[in-house]
């Protein structure tokens, strides 16, 4: 890398705050769930706007996929938590 780019990267890393997740954040949430969330809400909005049977079917399918993915993510997180748990950590 060039020296000016190195200086820029150094400045950015020194002065950019590090992301600190809130204590309210969900440890099981994934970027994939964010995408499914957006897809579901776009489909639901389109179904409300156009009120067509096909759009309602797409929204329903999108909703089912989204909520199943949430359930799967929660179960996976809980299973990994239980596997990593020791009497000292509990």
N, C-alpha and C. Protein backbone atom coordinates (compact mmCIF):
# COMPACT_ATOMS: atom_id res chain seq x y z
N UNK A 1 0.84 -1.18 0.00
CA UNK A 1 0.00 0.00 0.00
C UNK A 1 0.89 1.24 0.00
N UNK A 2 0.33 2.29 -0.53
CA UNK A 2 1.10 3.53 -0.55
C UNK A 2 1.11 4.15 0.85
N UNK A 3 2.05 5.04 1.05
CA UNK A 3 2.19 5.66 2.37
C UNK A 3 0.97 6.50 2.73
N UNK A 4 0.39 7.20 1.77
CA UNK A 4 -0.79 8.02 2.07
C UNK A 4 -1.98 7.14 2.46
N UNK A 5 -2.12 5.99 1.81
CA UNK A 5 -3.19 5.07 2.15
C UNK A 5 -2.96 4.49 3.54
N UNK A 6 -1.71 4.18 3.87
CA UNK A 6 -1.39 3.68 5.21
C UNK A 6 -1.74 4.72 6.27
N UNK A 7 -1.42 5.97 6.01
CA UNK A 7 -1.75 7.03 6.97
C UNK A 7 -3.26 7.17 7.14
N UNK A 8 -3.97 7.07 6.01
CA UNK A 8 -5.43 7.18 6.07
C UNK A 8 -6.02 6.04 6.89
N UNK A 9 -5.54 4.82 6.64
CA UNK A 9 -6.04 3.66 7.37
C UNK A 9 -5.73 3.81 8.86
N UNK A 10 -4.54 4.26 9.18
CA UNK A 10 -4.16 4.47 10.58
C UNK A 10 -5.05 5.50 11.25
N UNK A 11 -5.29 6.60 10.58
CA UNK A 11 -6.17 7.63 11.14
C UNK A 11 -7.58 7.11 11.36
N UNK A 12 -8.09 6.39 10.39
CA UNK A 12 -9.45 5.85 10.52
C UNK A 12 -9.56 4.86 11.67
N UNK A 13 -8.58 3.97 11.80
CA UNK A 13 -8.65 2.99 12.88
C UNK A 13 -8.48 3.63 14.25
N UNK A 14 -7.71 4.71 14.32
CA UNK A 14 -7.51 5.40 15.60
C UNK A 14 -8.72 6.21 16.02
N UNK A 15 -9.44 6.80 15.07
CA UNK A 15 -10.50 7.74 15.40
C UNK A 15 -11.91 7.22 15.14
N UNK A 16 -12.04 6.02 14.65
CA UNK A 16 -13.37 5.45 14.42
C UNK A 16 -13.76 4.63 15.64
N UNK A 17 -14.91 4.92 16.23
CA UNK A 17 -15.30 4.16 17.42
C UNK A 17 -15.58 2.69 17.08
N UNK A 18 -15.22 1.85 18.01
CA UNK A 18 -15.45 0.42 17.85
C UNK A 18 -16.90 0.14 18.21
N UNK A 19 -17.53 -0.72 17.44
CA UNK A 19 -18.91 -1.07 17.71
C UNK A 19 -19.00 -1.84 19.02
N UNK A 20 -19.87 -1.37 19.88
CA UNK A 20 -20.11 -2.05 21.14
C UNK A 20 -21.57 -2.45 21.18
N UNK A 21 -21.85 -3.73 21.04
CA UNK A 21 -23.26 -4.16 21.04
C UNK A 21 -23.96 -3.81 22.35
N UNK A 22 -25.19 -3.46 22.24
CA UNK A 22 -26.00 -3.15 23.41
C UNK A 22 -26.26 -4.41 24.23
N UNK A 23 -26.52 -4.24 25.51
CA UNK A 23 -26.87 -5.41 26.32
C UNK A 23 -28.27 -5.92 25.95
N UNK A 24 -28.98 -5.16 25.13
CA UNK A 24 -30.29 -5.59 24.64
C UNK A 24 -30.19 -6.38 23.33
N UNK A 25 -29.01 -6.41 22.73
CA UNK A 25 -28.88 -7.08 21.43
C UNK A 25 -29.03 -8.59 21.60
N UNK A 26 -29.46 -9.20 20.53
CA UNK A 26 -29.73 -10.64 20.56
C UNK A 26 -28.50 -11.39 20.07
N UNK A 27 -27.94 -12.26 20.90
CA UNK A 27 -26.72 -12.97 20.50
C UNK A 27 -26.94 -13.97 19.38
N UNK A 28 -28.17 -14.37 19.15
CA UNK A 28 -28.46 -15.34 18.11
C UNK A 28 -28.75 -14.69 16.76
N UNK A 29 -28.84 -13.36 16.71
CA UNK A 29 -29.17 -12.67 15.46
C UNK A 29 -27.99 -12.77 14.48
N UNK A 30 -28.30 -13.00 13.21
CA UNK A 30 -27.27 -13.14 12.18
C UNK A 30 -27.56 -12.18 11.03
N UNK A 31 -26.56 -11.89 10.21
CA UNK A 31 -26.81 -11.06 9.02
C UNK A 31 -27.83 -11.68 8.08
N UNK A 32 -27.87 -13.01 8.02
CA UNK A 32 -28.86 -13.70 7.18
C UNK A 32 -30.27 -13.37 7.65
N UNK A 33 -30.48 -13.31 8.97
CA UNK A 33 -31.80 -12.96 9.49
C UNK A 33 -32.17 -11.52 9.13
N UNK A 34 -31.19 -10.64 9.08
CA UNK A 34 -31.46 -9.26 8.67
C UNK A 34 -31.98 -9.22 7.24
N UNK A 35 -31.39 -10.02 6.38
CA UNK A 35 -31.83 -10.07 4.98
C UNK A 35 -33.24 -10.63 4.89
N UNK A 36 -33.50 -11.73 5.62
CA UNK A 36 -34.84 -12.32 5.61
C UNK A 36 -35.87 -11.36 6.20
N UNK A 37 -35.48 -10.60 7.21
CA UNK A 37 -36.36 -9.61 7.81
C UNK A 37 -36.78 -8.57 6.77
N UNK A 38 -35.80 -8.06 6.04
CA UNK A 38 -36.10 -7.09 5.00
C UNK A 38 -36.97 -7.66 3.90
N UNK A 39 -36.67 -8.88 3.48
CA UNK A 39 -37.48 -9.53 2.44
C UNK A 39 -38.93 -9.71 2.88
N UNK A 40 -39.10 -10.16 4.14
CA UNK A 40 -40.44 -10.38 4.66
C UNK A 40 -41.23 -9.07 4.71
N UNK A 41 -40.61 -8.01 5.22
CA UNK A 41 -41.34 -6.75 5.35
C UNK A 41 -41.62 -6.10 3.99
N UNK A 42 -40.72 -6.28 3.03
CA UNK A 42 -41.00 -5.78 1.67
C UNK A 42 -42.18 -6.53 1.07
N UNK A 43 -42.21 -7.85 1.24
CA UNK A 43 -43.30 -8.66 0.68
C UNK A 43 -44.62 -8.32 1.37
N UNK A 44 -44.60 -8.14 2.68
CA UNK A 44 -45.82 -7.81 3.41
C UNK A 44 -46.35 -6.43 2.99
N UNK A 45 -45.45 -5.48 2.81
CA UNK A 45 -45.87 -4.14 2.38
C UNK A 45 -46.47 -4.19 0.98
N UNK A 46 -45.84 -4.95 0.08
CA UNK A 46 -46.36 -5.08 -1.28
C UNK A 46 -47.72 -5.77 -1.27
N UNK A 47 -47.90 -6.76 -0.41
CA UNK A 47 -49.18 -7.46 -0.33
C UNK A 47 -50.28 -6.53 0.17
N UNK A 48 -49.95 -5.68 1.15
CA UNK A 48 -50.95 -4.72 1.64
C UNK A 48 -51.28 -3.68 0.58
N UNK A 49 -50.27 -3.27 -0.17
CA UNK A 49 -50.46 -2.22 -1.16
C UNK A 49 -51.29 -2.71 -2.34
N UNK A 50 -50.98 -3.89 -2.85
CA UNK A 50 -51.63 -4.38 -4.07
C UNK A 50 -52.82 -5.28 -3.80
N UNK A 51 -52.90 -5.87 -2.63
CA UNK A 51 -54.01 -6.72 -2.22
C UNK A 51 -54.34 -7.79 -3.27
N UNK A 52 -53.30 -8.43 -3.78
CA UNK A 52 -53.49 -9.51 -4.76
C UNK A 52 -53.22 -10.84 -4.07
N UNK A 53 -53.96 -11.89 -4.45
CA UNK A 53 -53.75 -13.20 -3.81
C UNK A 53 -52.32 -13.71 -3.96
N UNK A 54 -51.73 -13.48 -5.11
CA UNK A 54 -50.34 -13.94 -5.32
C UNK A 54 -49.39 -13.22 -4.37
N UNK A 55 -49.60 -11.93 -4.18
CA UNK A 55 -48.72 -11.16 -3.29
C UNK A 55 -48.88 -11.61 -1.85
N UNK A 56 -50.12 -11.92 -1.45
CA UNK A 56 -50.34 -12.41 -0.08
C UNK A 56 -49.68 -13.77 0.12
N UNK A 57 -49.69 -14.60 -0.92
CA UNK A 57 -49.04 -15.91 -0.85
C UNK A 57 -47.52 -15.75 -0.71
N UNK A 58 -46.94 -14.84 -1.47
CA UNK A 58 -45.50 -14.57 -1.38
C UNK A 58 -45.16 -14.05 0.01
N UNK A 59 -45.98 -13.16 0.54
CA UNK A 59 -45.74 -12.61 1.87
C UNK A 59 -45.84 -13.69 2.94
N UNK A 60 -46.81 -14.57 2.80
CA UNK A 60 -46.98 -15.67 3.75
C UNK A 60 -45.80 -16.62 3.74
N UNK A 61 -45.32 -16.94 2.54
CA UNK A 61 -44.16 -17.82 2.41
C UNK A 61 -42.92 -17.16 2.99
N UNK A 62 -42.76 -15.88 2.70
CA UNK A 62 -41.62 -15.13 3.22
C UNK A 62 -41.67 -15.07 4.75
N UNK A 63 -42.85 -14.88 5.30
CA UNK A 63 -43.02 -14.85 6.75
C UNK A 63 -42.65 -16.19 7.37
N UNK A 64 -43.11 -17.27 6.76
CA UNK A 64 -42.81 -18.60 7.29
C UNK A 64 -41.31 -18.89 7.28
N UNK A 65 -40.65 -18.51 6.19
CA UNK A 65 -39.20 -18.71 6.09
C UNK A 65 -38.47 -17.89 7.14
N UNK A 66 -38.88 -16.64 7.31
CA UNK A 66 -38.24 -15.74 8.27
C UNK A 66 -38.38 -16.26 9.70
N UNK A 67 -39.60 -16.63 10.10
CA UNK A 67 -39.80 -17.08 11.47
C UNK A 67 -39.19 -18.46 11.72
N UNK A 68 -39.13 -19.30 10.71
CA UNK A 68 -38.45 -20.59 10.87
C UNK A 68 -36.95 -20.37 11.04
N UNK A 69 -36.39 -19.42 10.31
CA UNK A 69 -34.97 -19.11 10.43
C UNK A 69 -34.66 -18.56 11.82
N UNK A 70 -35.56 -17.75 12.37
CA UNK A 70 -35.38 -17.24 13.74
C UNK A 70 -35.37 -18.40 14.73
N UNK A 71 -36.33 -19.28 14.58
CA UNK A 71 -36.42 -20.43 15.49
C UNK A 71 -35.17 -21.30 15.41
N UNK A 72 -34.69 -21.52 14.19
CA UNK A 72 -33.49 -22.32 13.98
C UNK A 72 -32.27 -21.64 14.61
N UNK A 73 -32.15 -20.33 14.42
CA UNK A 73 -31.02 -19.59 14.99
C UNK A 73 -31.04 -19.63 16.51
N UNK A 74 -32.22 -19.47 17.09
CA UNK A 74 -32.33 -19.54 18.55
C UNK A 74 -31.95 -20.92 19.07
N UNK A 75 -32.46 -21.96 18.42
CA UNK A 75 -32.15 -23.33 18.85
C UNK A 75 -30.66 -23.63 18.71
N UNK A 76 -30.06 -23.18 17.62
CA UNK A 76 -28.63 -23.40 17.40
C UNK A 76 -27.81 -22.68 18.48
N UNK A 77 -28.18 -21.44 18.77
CA UNK A 77 -27.46 -20.67 19.80
C UNK A 77 -27.62 -21.34 21.17
N UNK A 78 -28.82 -21.78 21.50
CA UNK A 78 -29.07 -22.41 22.79
C UNK A 78 -28.28 -23.72 22.90
N UNK A 79 -28.25 -24.49 21.84
CA UNK A 79 -27.50 -25.75 21.85
C UNK A 79 -26.01 -25.50 22.06
N UNK A 80 -25.46 -24.52 21.35
CA UNK A 80 -24.04 -24.22 21.50
C UNK A 80 -23.76 -23.67 22.90
N UNK A 81 -24.69 -22.91 23.47
CA UNK A 81 -24.53 -22.41 24.83
C UNK A 81 -24.48 -23.57 25.82
N UNK A 82 -25.39 -24.52 25.65
CA UNK A 82 -25.42 -25.67 26.57
C UNK A 82 -24.18 -26.55 26.43
N UNK A 83 -23.68 -26.71 25.21
CA UNK A 83 -22.46 -27.50 25.01
C UNK A 83 -21.25 -26.84 25.65
N UNK A 84 -21.20 -25.51 25.64
CA UNK A 84 -20.06 -24.78 26.19
C UNK A 84 -20.20 -24.54 27.69
N UNK A 85 -21.37 -24.79 28.24
CA UNK A 85 -21.61 -24.50 29.66
C UNK A 85 -20.85 -25.47 30.56
N UNK A 86 -20.30 -24.90 31.59
CA UNK A 86 -19.64 -25.69 32.64
C UNK A 86 -20.26 -25.28 33.97
N UNK A 87 -20.12 -26.09 34.98
CA UNK A 87 -20.68 -25.68 36.29
C UNK A 87 -20.12 -24.35 36.78
N UNK A 88 -18.87 -24.05 36.43
CA UNK A 88 -18.27 -22.79 36.87
C UNK A 88 -18.86 -21.60 36.12
N UNK A 89 -19.20 -21.79 34.85
CA UNK A 89 -19.73 -20.67 34.07
C UNK A 89 -21.20 -20.39 34.39
N UNK A 90 -21.89 -21.37 34.96
CA UNK A 90 -23.29 -21.17 35.29
C UNK A 90 -23.37 -20.59 36.67
